[in-house]
Protein backbone atom coordinates (compact mmCIF):
# COMPACT_ATOMS: atom_id res chain seq x y z
CA MET A 1 40.77 -1.95 -13.70
CA LYS A 2 36.73 -1.33 -14.66
CA LYS A 3 35.78 -4.38 -12.34
CA VAL A 4 36.94 -2.72 -9.26
CA PRO A 5 34.49 0.38 -9.22
CA LEU A 6 31.77 -1.99 -10.46
CA LEU A 7 32.45 -4.23 -7.35
CA LEU A 8 32.47 -1.42 -5.05
CA LEU A 9 29.14 0.04 -6.56
CA LEU A 10 27.55 -3.55 -6.15
CA ILE A 11 28.93 -3.51 -2.47
CA SER A 12 27.71 -0.23 -1.86
CA MET A 13 24.19 -1.17 -3.28
CA SER A 14 23.90 -4.21 -1.13
CA PHE A 15 24.39 -2.20 1.77
CA SER A 16 21.64 0.34 0.86
CA ILE A 17 19.25 -2.48 0.11
CA SER A 18 19.57 -3.86 3.50
CA ALA A 19 19.76 -0.51 5.25
CA GLU A 20 16.20 -0.27 4.61
CA PHE A 21 15.02 -3.18 6.93
CA LYS A 22 14.88 -3.29 10.77
CA LYS A 23 14.40 -6.24 13.19
CA MET A 24 11.74 -6.29 15.47
CA ALA A 25 10.81 -8.35 18.71
CA ASN A 26 7.38 -9.97 19.23
CA ASP A 27 6.88 -7.09 21.88
CA GLY A 28 7.57 -4.41 19.06
CA GLN A 29 10.79 -3.40 20.33
CA LEU A 30 13.28 -2.75 17.31
CA LEU A 31 16.60 -4.85 17.63
CA ASP A 32 20.09 -4.47 16.52
CA LEU A 33 20.86 -5.90 12.98
CA ASP A 34 22.91 -8.73 14.63
CA SER A 35 20.04 -10.04 16.64
CA LYS A 36 19.65 -13.61 16.42
CA GLU A 37 15.90 -13.92 17.08
CA TRP A 38 13.18 -11.85 15.77
CA SER A 39 9.60 -11.83 14.79
CA CYS A 40 9.07 -9.30 12.40
CA VAL A 41 10.75 -6.86 9.81
CA LEU A 42 10.19 -3.19 9.65
CA ASP A 43 10.61 -1.92 5.83
CA GLN A 44 11.40 1.61 6.57
CA ASN A 45 11.52 2.61 2.91
CA ASN A 46 7.68 1.30 2.24
CA ALA A 47 6.43 1.79 5.68
CA LEU A 48 5.52 -1.59 6.07
CA LEU A 49 5.81 -4.37 8.76
CA TRP A 50 6.25 -7.75 7.59
CA GLU A 51 5.78 -11.40 9.33
CA ILE A 52 8.77 -13.57 9.69
CA LYS A 53 8.48 -17.40 9.14
CA ALA A 54 9.77 -19.94 11.82
CA ALA A 55 11.93 -22.98 11.09
CA GLU A 56 9.89 -25.03 13.63
CA GLU A 57 6.27 -26.58 13.27
CA GLY A 58 3.75 -24.19 14.62
CA LEU A 59 1.51 -21.36 13.70
CA GLN A 60 4.15 -19.57 11.36
CA TYR A 61 5.93 -22.60 10.34
CA SER A 62 7.53 -21.78 7.02
CA GLN A 63 6.32 -25.11 5.27
CA ASN A 64 2.69 -24.51 6.15
CA THR A 65 0.56 -23.74 3.09
CA TYR A 66 -3.06 -22.45 2.75
CA THR A 67 -6.03 -22.18 0.41
CA TRP A 68 -6.94 -18.48 -0.44
CA PHE A 69 -10.35 -17.46 1.29
CA ASP A 70 -11.51 -14.29 2.50
CA GLY A 71 -15.14 -15.26 3.54
CA GLU A 72 -16.60 -14.49 0.42
CA SER A 73 -14.53 -16.34 -2.50
CA GLY A 74 -11.98 -19.03 -2.57
CA ARG A 75 -12.02 -22.24 -0.64
CA GLU A 76 -12.26 -22.69 3.08
CA ASN A 77 -11.46 -26.43 3.09
CA GLY A 78 -10.72 -28.72 0.55
CA ALA A 79 -8.30 -31.33 -0.95
CA PHE A 80 -5.47 -28.88 -0.82
CA SER A 81 -6.32 -27.36 2.47
CA LYS A 82 -4.62 -29.90 4.81
CA ASN A 83 -1.13 -28.34 4.77
CA CYS A 84 -0.94 -26.35 7.81
CA TYR A 85 0.00 -27.82 11.19
CA TRP A 86 -3.53 -27.92 12.53
CA GLY A 87 -4.92 -29.58 9.71
CA LYS A 88 -8.26 -27.80 9.25
CA SER A 89 -9.43 -24.48 7.86
CA CYS A 90 -6.00 -24.06 6.36
CA ASN A 91 -7.18 -21.07 4.45
CA THR A 92 -5.68 -17.29 4.53
CA LEU A 93 -8.74 -15.96 6.49
CA SER A 94 -8.00 -18.31 9.45
CA TYR A 95 -4.49 -17.67 9.23
CA ILE A 96 -4.79 -14.05 9.44
CA GLU A 97 -7.43 -14.24 12.23
CA ASP A 98 -4.89 -16.51 14.29
CA ILE A 99 -2.03 -14.02 13.78
CA ASN A 100 -4.02 -11.10 14.89
CA GLU A 101 -5.28 -12.98 17.74
CA ALA A 102 -1.75 -13.74 18.62
CA LYS A 103 -0.93 -10.04 18.41
CA LEU A 104 2.23 -10.69 16.54
CA CYS A 105 4.71 -7.87 17.29
CA SER A 106 2.12 -6.29 19.52
CA TYR A 107 -0.32 -5.69 16.51
CA SER A 108 -3.69 -7.27 15.58
CA ASP A 109 -4.27 -5.76 11.99
CA TRP A 110 -2.13 -8.22 9.85
CA ARG A 111 -3.40 -8.83 6.41
CA LEU A 112 -2.44 -10.37 2.99
CA PRO A 113 -0.02 -8.03 0.95
CA THR A 114 -1.07 -6.41 -2.15
CA ARG A 115 0.98 -7.34 -5.42
CA ASP A 116 3.11 -4.27 -5.29
CA GLU A 117 3.84 -4.87 -1.29
CA LEU A 118 4.92 -8.07 -1.83
CA LYS A 119 6.84 -7.53 -4.99
CA SER A 120 8.84 -4.79 -3.01
CA ILE A 121 10.80 -7.48 -0.81
CA VAL A 122 11.81 -9.56 -3.86
CA ASN A 123 15.55 -8.96 -4.57
CA TYR A 124 16.93 -9.71 -7.64
CA TYR A 125 20.33 -9.02 -6.41
CA VAL A 126 20.82 -11.82 -3.89
CA ASP A 127 23.52 -14.49 -4.15
CA GLY A 128 21.00 -17.66 -4.03
CA ASP A 129 18.14 -19.08 -5.77
CA ILE A 130 15.28 -17.47 -3.39
CA LEU A 131 14.96 -13.80 -4.28
CA ILE A 132 14.70 -12.32 -0.86
CA ASP A 133 17.09 -11.01 1.68
CA SER A 134 17.46 -13.88 3.84
CA ILE A 135 19.42 -12.16 6.53
CA PHE A 136 16.10 -10.54 7.26
CA PHE A 137 13.58 -13.00 5.87
CA PRO A 138 14.93 -16.58 6.94
CA ASN A 139 13.12 -19.78 6.22
CA THR A 140 11.54 -18.17 2.94
CA GLN A 141 10.62 -21.03 0.67
CA MET A 142 11.46 -21.09 -2.65
CA ASP A 143 7.95 -21.04 -3.87
CA THR A 144 4.85 -18.66 -4.27
CA TYR A 145 3.23 -16.57 -1.69
CA TRP A 146 -0.48 -15.41 -1.83
CA THR A 147 -1.43 -11.65 -2.41
CA SER A 148 -4.63 -10.27 -1.43
CA ALA A 149 -5.54 -9.26 -5.15
CA THR A 150 -8.44 -11.49 -7.00
CA ALA A 151 -8.01 -11.76 -10.66
CA LYS A 152 -10.56 -9.34 -12.36
CA ASP A 153 -11.90 -11.55 -15.10
CA ASN A 154 -11.71 -14.61 -12.94
CA PRO A 155 -12.74 -14.43 -9.26
CA SER A 156 -11.75 -18.04 -8.52
CA LEU A 157 -7.95 -16.91 -9.04
CA ALA A 158 -5.82 -14.91 -7.11
CA TYR A 159 -2.34 -13.33 -7.67
CA GLU A 160 0.77 -14.80 -5.93
CA ILE A 161 4.51 -13.65 -6.18
CA PRO A 162 7.05 -16.47 -6.85
CA PHE A 163 10.22 -16.00 -4.94
CA PHE A 164 12.06 -17.73 -7.20
CA PHE A 165 11.86 -15.61 -10.56
CA GLY A 166 9.90 -12.74 -9.32
CA GLY A 167 6.78 -11.28 -11.26
CA SER A 168 3.44 -12.42 -10.59
CA ILE A 169 1.03 -15.36 -11.43
CA VAL A 170 -2.28 -16.28 -10.69
CA ARG A 171 -3.50 -19.41 -9.19
CA ASP A 172 -6.70 -20.94 -8.49
CA LYS A 173 -7.84 -20.19 -4.75
CA THR A 174 -8.24 -23.94 -3.99
CA ILE A 175 -4.58 -24.57 -4.31
CA GLY A 176 -2.49 -24.48 -1.29
CA THR A 177 0.36 -22.06 -1.14
CA HIS A 178 2.60 -19.98 1.17
CA ILE A 179 1.65 -16.78 3.20
CA ARG A 180 3.72 -13.84 4.41
CA LEU A 181 1.51 -10.96 6.23
CA VAL A 182 1.94 -7.41 6.28
CA ARG A 183 0.63 -4.22 8.13
CA SER A 184 0.93 -0.81 7.56
CA ALA A 185 3.77 0.73 9.89
CA LYS A 186 2.24 4.21 9.64
């Protein structure tokens, strides 16, 4: 008898979790939830706009990885920076510049998310191994994603969020990992 109310509570929670997200076309127009193609996701609860990764090779290919580089710290090129489709300058700064030049979803102020921002889309209640709402964020890898935060005690390390267990970890900036860009929706 107690299982039914708990099941109803979980079902209602899953609807409220996804109700905060809206799909957006590359021209900046909001789309219906059942749209099959979209470029960004608006997180209404946190006033953030998130990049969506593509299944096909190209700039936003979900398999691309990048070293952490901001023009001052990190690694612009190196042994682990050949994992993006163009094969050079596979770093966070170059990627951000390319996305901003492309005006993804009509904006040119994309950036790496803070730790808290990236943690805000981790979803521990999903049915799957990747802790994100795959209805809105398809092609997310079961791996880590860079944040904008450098470790205070070691500037050669940056924080990343693992979408397979949550939390945050630090990694050497010369190691290639995934990126999901964000911008303020205010």
